[in-house]
Amino acid sequence: MLDRHLHPRIKPLLNRLVATLDKPGITPDGITLMGFAIGVLALPFLALGWYLAALVAIALNRLLDGLDGALARRRGLSDAGGFLDISLDFLFYALVPFGFALADPVNNSLPAAWLLFAFIGTGSSFLAFATLAAKHEIDNPGYAHKSFYYLGGLTEGTETLLLFVLIC
């Protein structure tokens, strides 16, 4: 819902940043893996109640997620890179509510379980639709810069990040 308004404003900044990263030893997949490794740090930080440290890890993960895509578009998108990116994104999205559940199992387990339930629903419908869109050759001009059909809506990346910031 918000991504389509935010992306045009953020994309030029990401492109300028990625121009400095476009070096032979730096790959989009490498940035994806580095971003995921940093994002995984949010889990123990949340479990320990270190919410500011968790917020920094979450923000860095999302920044690197934007940079990996910008570098991939600069060099040429790949199916393998798109698969790696979306797979690690969904794992990251799941570990954040799990971290909150670990921080306070008595009070946070139900809200965390509800958020995980919502992520499973949106993630599976997102990927199922992307599969059918590819099968039926449905184009998506609004998100032509994505590796595969990108289904926008109420729970896009911006909304998810805002929720994580609010919870932290």
N, C-alpha and C. Protein backbone atom coordinates (compact mmCIF):
# COMPACT_ATOMS: atom_id res chain seq x y z
N MET A 1 0.81 -1.18 0.00
CA MET A 1 0.00 0.00 0.00
C MET A 1 0.87 1.26 0.00
N LEU A 2 1.88 1.29 0.85
CA LEU A 2 2.76 2.47 0.92
C LEU A 2 3.98 2.34 0.01
N ASP A 3 4.37 1.09 -0.32
CA ASP A 3 5.59 0.89 -1.11
C ASP A 3 5.57 1.64 -2.44
N ARG A 4 4.44 1.63 -3.12
CA ARG A 4 4.39 2.26 -4.45
C ARG A 4 4.61 3.76 -4.35
N HIS A 5 4.33 4.36 -3.19
CA HIS A 5 4.57 5.79 -2.99
C HIS A 5 5.98 6.06 -2.48
N LEU A 6 6.50 5.13 -1.71
CA LEU A 6 7.81 5.32 -1.10
C LEU A 6 8.95 4.94 -2.05
N HIS A 7 8.77 3.88 -2.84
CA HIS A 7 9.84 3.40 -3.73
C HIS A 7 10.38 4.48 -4.67
N PRO A 8 9.54 5.28 -5.32
CA PRO A 8 10.09 6.31 -6.21
C PRO A 8 10.96 7.34 -5.49
N ARG A 9 10.71 7.53 -4.20
CA ARG A 9 11.51 8.48 -3.43
C ARG A 9 12.81 7.85 -2.93
N ILE A 10 12.77 6.57 -2.61
CA ILE A 10 13.95 5.89 -2.06
C ILE A 10 14.87 5.37 -3.16
N LYS A 11 14.30 4.98 -4.29
CA LYS A 11 15.08 4.36 -5.37
C LYS A 11 16.29 5.19 -5.80
N PRO A 12 16.17 6.52 -6.01
CA PRO A 12 17.36 7.29 -6.40
C PRO A 12 18.46 7.26 -5.35
N LEU A 13 18.09 7.29 -4.07
CA LEU A 13 19.08 7.22 -3.01
C LEU A 13 19.78 5.86 -3.01
N LEU A 14 19.00 4.77 -3.14
CA LEU A 14 19.60 3.44 -3.20
C LEU A 14 20.53 3.30 -4.40
N ASN A 15 20.13 3.86 -5.54
CA ASN A 15 20.97 3.79 -6.74
C ASN A 15 22.28 4.53 -6.54
N ARG A 16 22.24 5.67 -5.85
CA ARG A 16 23.50 6.40 -5.57
C ARG A 16 24.38 5.60 -4.62
N LEU A 17 23.77 5.02 -3.58
CA LEU A 17 24.55 4.22 -2.63
C LEU A 17 25.15 2.99 -3.30
N VAL A 18 24.37 2.33 -4.14
CA VAL A 18 24.83 1.09 -4.75
C VAL A 18 25.92 1.37 -5.80
N ALA A 19 25.96 2.56 -6.35
CA ALA A 19 27.02 2.90 -7.30
C ALA A 19 28.39 2.79 -6.64
N THR A 20 28.46 3.10 -5.34
CA THR A 20 29.74 2.97 -4.63
C THR A 20 30.05 1.52 -4.26
N LEU A 21 29.01 0.69 -4.19
CA LEU A 21 29.20 -0.73 -3.86
C LEU A 21 29.46 -1.60 -5.08
N ASP A 22 29.26 -1.06 -6.26
CA ASP A 22 29.39 -1.86 -7.48
C ASP A 22 30.85 -2.12 -7.79
N LYS A 23 31.40 -3.08 -7.07
CA LYS A 23 32.80 -3.49 -7.21
C LYS A 23 32.83 -4.99 -7.51
N PRO A 24 33.90 -5.48 -8.12
CA PRO A 24 33.94 -6.90 -8.51
C PRO A 24 33.70 -7.89 -7.37
N GLY A 25 34.16 -7.63 -6.18
CA GLY A 25 34.01 -8.58 -5.08
C GLY A 25 32.67 -8.50 -4.36
N ILE A 26 31.84 -7.55 -4.72
CA ILE A 26 30.56 -7.37 -4.05
C ILE A 26 29.45 -7.81 -5.00
N THR A 27 28.63 -8.75 -4.52
CA THR A 27 27.55 -9.28 -5.36
C THR A 27 26.20 -9.01 -4.69
N PRO A 28 25.14 -8.98 -5.47
CA PRO A 28 23.81 -8.85 -4.85
C PRO A 28 23.53 -9.96 -3.84
N ASP A 29 23.88 -11.21 -4.18
CA ASP A 29 23.66 -12.32 -3.24
C ASP A 29 24.48 -12.14 -1.98
N GLY A 30 25.69 -11.63 -2.11
CA GLY A 30 26.53 -11.37 -0.93
C GLY A 30 25.89 -10.34 -0.01
N ILE A 31 25.32 -9.29 -0.61
CA ILE A 31 24.62 -8.28 0.19
C ILE A 31 23.38 -8.88 0.84
N THR A 32 22.67 -9.73 0.11
CA THR A 32 21.49 -10.41 0.66
C THR A 32 21.89 -11.23 1.89
N LEU A 33 22.95 -12.01 1.76
CA LEU A 33 23.39 -12.86 2.88
C LEU A 33 23.89 -12.03 4.06
N MET A 34 24.61 -10.94 3.77
CA MET A 34 25.08 -10.06 4.85
C MET A 34 23.89 -9.42 5.56
N GLY A 35 22.93 -8.96 4.79
CA GLY A 35 21.74 -8.36 5.38
C GLY A 35 20.97 -9.34 6.25
N PHE A 36 20.87 -10.58 5.78
CA PHE A 36 20.18 -11.60 6.57
C PHE A 36 20.95 -11.89 7.85
N ALA A 37 22.26 -12.01 7.77
CA ALA A 37 23.08 -12.27 8.97
C ALA A 37 22.90 -11.15 10.00
N ILE A 38 22.88 -9.92 9.54
CA ILE A 38 22.65 -8.80 10.46
C ILE A 38 21.23 -8.86 11.02
N GLY A 39 20.26 -9.17 10.16
CA GLY A 39 18.87 -9.28 10.60
C GLY A 39 18.67 -10.37 11.63
N VAL A 40 19.40 -11.47 11.51
CA VAL A 40 19.29 -12.57 12.47
C VAL A 40 19.71 -12.11 13.87
N LEU A 41 20.59 -11.12 13.94
CA LEU A 41 20.99 -10.59 15.25
C LEU A 41 19.80 -9.99 16.01
N ALA A 42 18.76 -9.59 15.28
CA ALA A 42 17.58 -9.04 15.96
C ALA A 42 16.96 -10.08 16.90
N LEU A 43 17.06 -11.36 16.56
CA LEU A 43 16.44 -12.41 17.38
C LEU A 43 17.01 -12.43 18.80
N PRO A 44 18.32 -12.58 18.99
CA PRO A 44 18.82 -12.56 20.37
C PRO A 44 18.65 -11.19 21.03
N PHE A 45 18.77 -10.12 20.26
CA PHE A 45 18.58 -8.78 20.85
C PHE A 45 17.16 -8.64 21.39
N LEU A 46 16.17 -9.09 20.61
CA LEU A 46 14.79 -9.03 21.07
C LEU A 46 14.58 -9.93 22.28
N ALA A 47 15.11 -11.14 22.21
CA ALA A 47 14.94 -12.09 23.31
C ALA A 47 15.51 -11.54 24.61
N LEU A 48 16.59 -10.77 24.50
CA LEU A 48 17.22 -10.19 25.68
C LEU A 48 16.58 -8.86 26.10
N GLY A 49 15.64 -8.39 25.30
CA GLY A 49 14.99 -7.12 25.61
C GLY A 49 15.81 -5.91 25.20
N TRP A 50 16.78 -6.11 24.35
CA TRP A 50 17.62 -5.01 23.85
C TRP A 50 16.96 -4.44 22.59
N TYR A 51 15.89 -3.70 22.79
CA TYR A 51 15.04 -3.28 21.67
C TYR A 51 15.71 -2.27 20.75
N LEU A 52 16.54 -1.39 21.28
CA LEU A 52 17.24 -0.44 20.41
C LEU A 52 18.24 -1.18 19.51
N ALA A 53 18.98 -2.12 20.07
CA ALA A 53 19.92 -2.91 19.26
C ALA A 53 19.16 -3.71 18.21
N ALA A 54 18.02 -4.26 18.60
CA ALA A 54 17.19 -5.01 17.65
C ALA A 54 16.70 -4.10 16.53
N LEU A 55 16.29 -2.90 16.88
CA LEU A 55 15.81 -1.94 15.89
C LEU A 55 16.92 -1.59 14.89
N VAL A 56 18.13 -1.43 15.37
CA VAL A 56 19.27 -1.16 14.47
C VAL A 56 19.49 -2.34 13.53
N ALA A 57 19.45 -3.55 14.06
CA ALA A 57 19.62 -4.74 13.21
C ALA A 57 18.50 -4.84 12.18
N ILE A 58 17.28 -4.55 12.58
CA ILE A 58 16.14 -4.58 11.66
C ILE A 58 16.32 -3.53 10.57
N ALA A 59 16.69 -2.31 10.95
CA ALA A 59 16.86 -1.23 9.97
C ALA A 59 18.00 -1.55 8.99
N LEU A 60 19.11 -2.07 9.50
CA LEU A 60 20.23 -2.43 8.62
C LEU A 60 19.84 -3.56 7.67
N ASN A 61 19.09 -4.53 8.17
CA ASN A 61 18.61 -5.61 7.32
C ASN A 61 17.78 -5.07 6.17
N ARG A 62 16.87 -4.17 6.48
CA ARG A 62 16.00 -3.62 5.44
C ARG A 62 16.78 -2.73 4.46
N LEU A 63 17.79 -1.99 4.96
CA LEU A 63 18.62 -1.18 4.07
C LEU A 63 19.38 -2.07 3.10
N LEU A 64 20.00 -3.13 3.62
CA LEU A 64 20.74 -4.04 2.76
C LEU A 64 19.82 -4.78 1.80
N ASP A 65 18.57 -5.03 2.22
CA ASP A 65 17.60 -5.65 1.33
C ASP A 65 17.31 -4.72 0.15
N GLY A 66 17.27 -3.44 0.39
CA GLY A 66 17.08 -2.49 -0.70
C GLY A 66 18.31 -2.39 -1.59
N LEU A 67 19.48 -2.45 -0.99
CA LEU A 67 20.72 -2.34 -1.76
C LEU A 67 20.98 -3.56 -2.62
N ASP A 68 20.64 -4.75 -2.12
CA ASP A 68 20.87 -5.95 -2.93
C ASP A 68 20.03 -5.91 -4.20
N GLY A 69 18.80 -5.46 -4.07
CA GLY A 69 17.94 -5.34 -5.24
C GLY A 69 18.42 -4.28 -6.21
N ALA A 70 18.89 -3.16 -5.68
CA ALA A 70 19.40 -2.08 -6.54
C ALA A 70 20.63 -2.56 -7.31
N LEU A 71 21.52 -3.29 -6.64
CA LEU A 71 22.70 -3.81 -7.34
C LEU A 71 22.31 -4.87 -8.36
N ALA A 72 21.34 -5.70 -8.02
CA ALA A 72 20.88 -6.72 -8.97
C ALA A 72 20.27 -6.07 -10.21
N ARG A 73 19.49 -5.02 -10.02
CA ARG A 73 18.90 -4.34 -11.18
C ARG A 73 19.98 -3.67 -12.02
N ARG A 74 21.02 -3.19 -11.37
CA ARG A 74 22.14 -2.54 -12.08
C ARG A 74 22.91 -3.56 -12.93
N ARG A 75 23.07 -4.77 -12.40
CA ARG A 75 23.85 -5.80 -13.09
C ARG A 75 23.00 -6.77 -13.90
N GLY A 76 21.73 -6.87 -13.57
CA GLY A 76 20.84 -7.82 -14.23
C GLY A 76 20.25 -8.78 -13.22
N LEU A 77 18.93 -8.83 -13.18
CA LEU A 77 18.23 -9.69 -12.22
C LEU A 77 18.44 -11.16 -12.55
N SER A 78 18.42 -11.99 -11.52
CA SER A 78 18.51 -13.43 -11.73
C SER A 78 17.40 -14.11 -10.93
N ASP A 79 16.94 -15.23 -11.45
CA ASP A 79 15.92 -16.00 -10.74
C ASP A 79 16.45 -16.50 -9.40
N ALA A 80 17.69 -16.98 -9.40
CA ALA A 80 18.28 -17.50 -8.16
C ALA A 80 18.39 -16.39 -7.11
N GLY A 81 18.80 -15.21 -7.54
CA GLY A 81 18.91 -14.09 -6.61
C GLY A 81 17.56 -13.67 -6.07
N GLY A 82 16.55 -13.65 -6.92
CA GLY A 82 15.21 -13.32 -6.48
C GLY A 82 14.68 -14.34 -5.49
N PHE A 83 14.96 -15.61 -5.74
CA PHE A 83 14.54 -16.68 -4.84
C PHE A 83 15.23 -16.54 -3.49
N LEU A 84 16.55 -16.33 -3.50
CA LEU A 84 17.30 -16.18 -2.25
C LEU A 84 16.77 -14.98 -1.46
N ASP A 85 16.55 -13.88 -2.15
CA ASP A 85 16.11 -12.66 -1.49
C ASP A 85 14.75 -12.86 -0.81
N ILE A 86 13.77 -13.35 -1.52
CA ILE A 86 12.43 -13.47 -0.94
C ILE A 86 12.39 -14.54 0.15
N SER A 87 13.17 -15.61 -0.02
CA SER A 87 13.20 -16.67 1.01
C SER A 87 13.76 -16.13 2.32
N LEU A 88 14.87 -15.40 2.23
CA LEU A 88 15.47 -14.86 3.45
C LEU A 88 14.63 -13.73 4.03
N ASP A 89 13.94 -12.97 3.17
CA ASP A 89 13.03 -11.94 3.68
C ASP A 89 11.95 -12.55 4.55
N PHE A 90 11.33 -13.63 4.06
CA PHE A 90 10.25 -14.24 4.84
C PHE A 90 10.77 -14.88 6.13
N LEU A 91 11.97 -15.45 6.10
CA LEU A 91 12.55 -15.98 7.34
C LEU A 91 12.83 -14.85 8.33
N PHE A 92 13.35 -13.74 7.82
CA PHE A 92 13.60 -12.59 8.68
C PHE A 92 12.29 -12.08 9.30
N TYR A 93 11.26 -11.94 8.46
CA TYR A 93 9.97 -11.46 8.97
C TYR A 93 9.43 -12.36 10.07
N ALA A 94 9.70 -13.65 10.01
CA ALA A 94 9.23 -14.57 11.03
C ALA A 94 10.06 -14.50 12.30
N LEU A 95 11.35 -14.24 12.19
CA LEU A 95 12.18 -14.28 13.39
C LEU A 95 11.93 -13.08 14.30
N VAL A 96 11.44 -11.98 13.76
CA VAL A 96 11.19 -10.81 14.61
C VAL A 96 10.07 -11.08 15.61
N PRO A 97 8.88 -11.53 15.20
CA PRO A 97 7.87 -11.84 16.22
C PRO A 97 8.30 -12.96 17.17
N PHE A 98 9.07 -13.92 16.65
CA PHE A 98 9.57 -14.99 17.51
C PHE A 98 10.48 -14.41 18.60
N GLY A 99 11.31 -13.43 18.24
CA GLY A 99 12.17 -12.77 19.22
C GLY A 99 11.38 -12.07 20.31
N PHE A 100 10.27 -11.43 19.93
CA PHE A 100 9.40 -10.80 20.93
C PHE A 100 8.77 -11.85 21.83
N ALA A 101 8.39 -12.99 21.28
CA ALA A 101 7.82 -14.07 22.09
C ALA A 101 8.84 -14.58 23.10
N LEU A 102 10.09 -14.69 22.68
CA LEU A 102 11.14 -15.15 23.59
C LEU A 102 11.42 -14.14 24.70
N ALA A 103 11.26 -12.86 24.40
CA ALA A 103 11.53 -11.81 25.39
C ALA A 103 10.58 -11.89 26.58
N ASP A 104 9.33 -12.22 26.31
CA ASP A 104 8.32 -12.30 27.36
C ASP A 104 7.26 -13.29 26.93
N PRO A 105 7.54 -14.61 27.11
CA PRO A 105 6.62 -15.63 26.61
C PRO A 105 5.19 -15.51 27.14
N VAL A 106 5.02 -15.11 28.36
CA VAL A 106 3.69 -15.03 28.94
C VAL A 106 2.85 -13.95 28.25
N ASN A 107 3.43 -12.78 28.06
CA ASN A 107 2.67 -11.66 27.50
C ASN A 107 2.76 -11.53 25.98
N ASN A 108 3.82 -12.05 25.38
CA ASN A 108 4.04 -11.82 23.95
C ASN A 108 3.73 -13.00 23.04
N SER A 109 3.49 -14.17 23.59
CA SER A 109 3.31 -15.35 22.74
C SER A 109 2.08 -15.25 21.84
N LEU A 110 0.96 -14.81 22.39
CA LEU A 110 -0.24 -14.73 21.57
C LEU A 110 -0.11 -13.67 20.46
N PRO A 111 0.34 -12.44 20.77
CA PRO A 111 0.52 -11.48 19.67
C PRO A 111 1.55 -11.94 18.64
N ALA A 112 2.63 -12.58 19.10
CA ALA A 112 3.64 -13.08 18.16
C ALA A 112 3.07 -14.18 17.28
N ALA A 113 2.29 -15.08 17.89
CA ALA A 113 1.68 -16.16 17.11
C ALA A 113 0.71 -15.58 16.08
N TRP A 114 -0.04 -14.58 16.46
CA TRP A 114 -0.99 -13.94 15.53
C TRP A 114 -0.23 -13.30 14.36
N LEU A 115 0.87 -12.62 14.65
CA LEU A 115 1.65 -11.98 13.59
C LEU A 115 2.27 -13.03 12.67
N LEU A 116 2.77 -14.12 13.23
CA LEU A 116 3.31 -15.21 12.41
C LEU A 116 2.22 -15.81 11.52
N PHE A 117 1.03 -15.98 12.08
CA PHE A 117 -0.11 -16.47 11.30
C PHE A 117 -0.38 -15.53 10.12
N ALA A 118 -0.38 -14.23 10.38
CA ALA A 118 -0.62 -13.25 9.31
C ALA A 118 0.48 -13.31 8.26
N PHE A 119 1.73 -13.45 8.69
CA PHE A 119 2.84 -13.53 7.74
C PHE A 119 2.76 -14.79 6.88
N ILE A 120 2.36 -15.90 7.47
CA ILE A 120 2.21 -17.14 6.69
C ILE A 120 1.13 -16.94 5.63
N GLY A 121 0.03 -16.32 6.02
CA GLY A 121 -1.06 -16.08 5.07
C GLY A 121 -0.65 -15.17 3.94
N THR A 122 -0.03 -14.03 4.26
CA THR A 122 0.36 -13.10 3.21
C THR A 122 1.50 -13.65 2.38
N GLY A 123 2.46 -14.30 3.03
CA GLY A 123 3.60 -14.84 2.29
C GLY A 123 3.21 -15.95 1.34
N SER A 124 2.37 -16.85 1.80
CA SER A 124 1.97 -17.96 0.93
C SER A 124 1.09 -17.47 -0.22
N SER A 125 0.19 -16.52 0.04
CA SER A 125 -0.64 -16.00 -1.05
C SER A 125 0.20 -15.19 -2.03
N PHE A 126 1.17 -14.46 -1.53
CA PHE A 126 2.09 -13.69 -2.37
C PHE A 126 2.84 -14.61 -3.34
N LEU A 127 3.43 -15.66 -2.78
CA LEU A 127 4.22 -16.57 -3.61
C LEU A 127 3.34 -17.43 -4.52
N ALA A 128 2.18 -17.84 -4.04
CA ALA A 128 1.28 -18.62 -4.89
C ALA A 128 0.82 -17.79 -6.08
N PHE A 129 0.49 -16.53 -5.84
CA PHE A 129 0.06 -15.68 -6.94
C PHE A 129 1.21 -15.43 -7.91
N ALA A 130 2.42 -15.24 -7.39
CA ALA A 130 3.58 -15.04 -8.27
C ALA A 130 3.78 -16.25 -9.18
N THR A 131 3.58 -17.44 -8.66
CA THR A 131 3.70 -18.67 -9.46
C THR A 131 2.65 -18.70 -10.57
N LEU A 132 1.42 -18.40 -10.21
CA LEU A 132 0.35 -18.40 -11.22
C LEU A 132 0.54 -17.27 -12.24
N ALA A 133 1.02 -16.13 -11.79
CA ALA A 133 1.26 -15.02 -12.72
C ALA A 133 2.32 -15.42 -13.75
N ALA A 134 3.37 -16.12 -13.29
CA ALA A 134 4.40 -16.59 -14.23
C ALA A 134 3.82 -17.62 -15.19
N LYS A 135 3.04 -18.54 -14.67
CA LYS A 135 2.45 -19.60 -15.49
C LYS A 135 1.55 -19.02 -16.58
N HIS A 136 0.80 -17.98 -16.24
CA HIS A 136 -0.15 -17.39 -17.18
C HIS A 136 0.40 -16.13 -17.86
N GLU A 137 1.71 -15.89 -17.67
CA GLU A 137 2.41 -14.77 -18.30
C GLU A 137 1.71 -13.43 -18.05
N ILE A 138 1.36 -13.20 -16.80
CA ILE A 138 0.75 -11.94 -16.38
C ILE A 138 1.86 -10.95 -16.05
N ASP A 139 1.86 -9.82 -16.72
CA ASP A 139 2.87 -8.79 -16.46
C ASP A 139 2.44 -7.92 -15.28
N ASN A 140 3.41 -7.30 -14.66
CA ASN A 140 3.14 -6.40 -13.55
C ASN A 140 3.91 -5.10 -13.80
N PRO A 141 3.37 -4.18 -14.59
CA PRO A 141 4.11 -2.96 -14.90
C PRO A 141 4.40 -2.09 -13.69
N GLY A 142 3.61 -2.20 -12.64
CA GLY A 142 3.85 -1.40 -11.44
C GLY A 142 5.10 -1.81 -10.68
N TYR A 143 5.51 -3.06 -10.84
CA TYR A 143 6.70 -3.57 -10.15
C TYR A 143 7.60 -4.29 -11.15
N ALA A 144 7.84 -3.65 -12.27
CA ALA A 144 8.65 -4.26 -13.33
C ALA A 144 10.09 -4.49 -12.89
N HIS A 145 10.51 -3.84 -11.83
CA HIS A 145 11.89 -3.95 -11.35
C HIS A 145 12.10 -5.15 -10.42
N LYS A 146 11.08 -5.96 -10.21
CA LYS A 146 11.19 -7.13 -9.33
C LYS A 146 11.52 -8.38 -10.14
N SER A 147 12.12 -9.39 -9.49
CA SER A 147 12.51 -10.63 -10.16
C SER A 147 11.31 -11.43 -10.63
N PHE A 148 10.20 -11.34 -9.93
CA PHE A 148 8.99 -12.04 -10.31
C PHE A 148 7.81 -11.18 -9.92
N TYR A 149 6.62 -11.62 -10.28
CA TYR A 149 5.43 -10.81 -10.05
C TYR A 149 5.34 -10.44 -8.58
N TYR A 150 5.20 -9.18 -8.32
CA TYR A 150 5.16 -8.65 -6.96
C TYR A 150 3.75 -8.18 -6.68
N LEU A 151 3.09 -8.85 -5.75
CA LEU A 151 1.72 -8.52 -5.40
C LEU A 151 1.73 -7.50 -4.27
N GLY A 152 1.36 -6.28 -4.57
CA GLY A 152 1.33 -5.23 -3.56
C GLY A 152 0.03 -5.29 -2.77
N GLY A 153 -0.05 -4.48 -1.75
CA GLY A 153 -1.27 -4.44 -0.97
C GLY A 153 -1.05 -3.93 0.43
N LEU A 154 -1.90 -4.38 1.34
CA LEU A 154 -1.91 -3.85 2.69
C LEU A 154 -0.65 -4.16 3.49
N THR A 155 -0.03 -5.31 3.26
CA THR A 155 1.11 -5.70 4.09
C THR A 155 2.39 -5.78 3.27
N GLU A 156 2.76 -4.68 2.67
CA GLU A 156 4.01 -4.62 1.93
C GLU A 156 5.16 -4.37 2.90
N GLY A 157 6.35 -4.24 2.37
CA GLY A 157 7.53 -4.08 3.20
C GLY A 157 7.50 -2.86 4.10
N THR A 158 7.00 -1.74 3.59
CA THR A 158 6.97 -0.52 4.40
C THR A 158 6.09 -0.69 5.63
N GLU A 159 4.92 -1.27 5.44
CA GLU A 159 4.01 -1.49 6.57
C GLU A 159 4.62 -2.45 7.59
N THR A 160 5.28 -3.48 7.11
CA THR A 160 5.92 -4.44 8.01
C THR A 160 7.02 -3.76 8.81
N LEU A 161 7.87 -2.98 8.14
CA LEU A 161 8.95 -2.27 8.83
C LEU A 161 8.38 -1.29 9.86
N LEU A 162 7.35 -0.54 9.50
CA LEU A 162 6.74 0.40 10.44
C LEU A 162 6.19 -0.33 11.67
N LEU A 163 5.60 -1.50 11.48
CA LEU A 163 5.10 -2.28 12.60
C LEU A 163 6.26 -2.71 13.50
N PHE A 164 7.34 -3.19 12.91
CA PHE A 164 8.49 -3.62 13.71
C PHE A 164 9.08 -2.44 14.50
N VAL A 165 9.17 -1.28 13.88
CA VAL A 165 9.68 -0.09 14.57
C VAL A 165 8.76 0.27 15.74
N LEU A 166 7.46 0.27 15.49
CA LEU A 166 6.49 0.59 16.53
C LEU A 166 6.60 -0.39 17.70
N ILE A 167 6.71 -1.68 17.40
CA ILE A 167 6.79 -2.68 18.45
C ILE A 167 8.08 -2.53 19.27
N CYS A 168 9.19 -2.25 18.58
CA CYS A 168 10.47 -2.05 19.31
C CYS A 168 10.37 -0.85 20.23
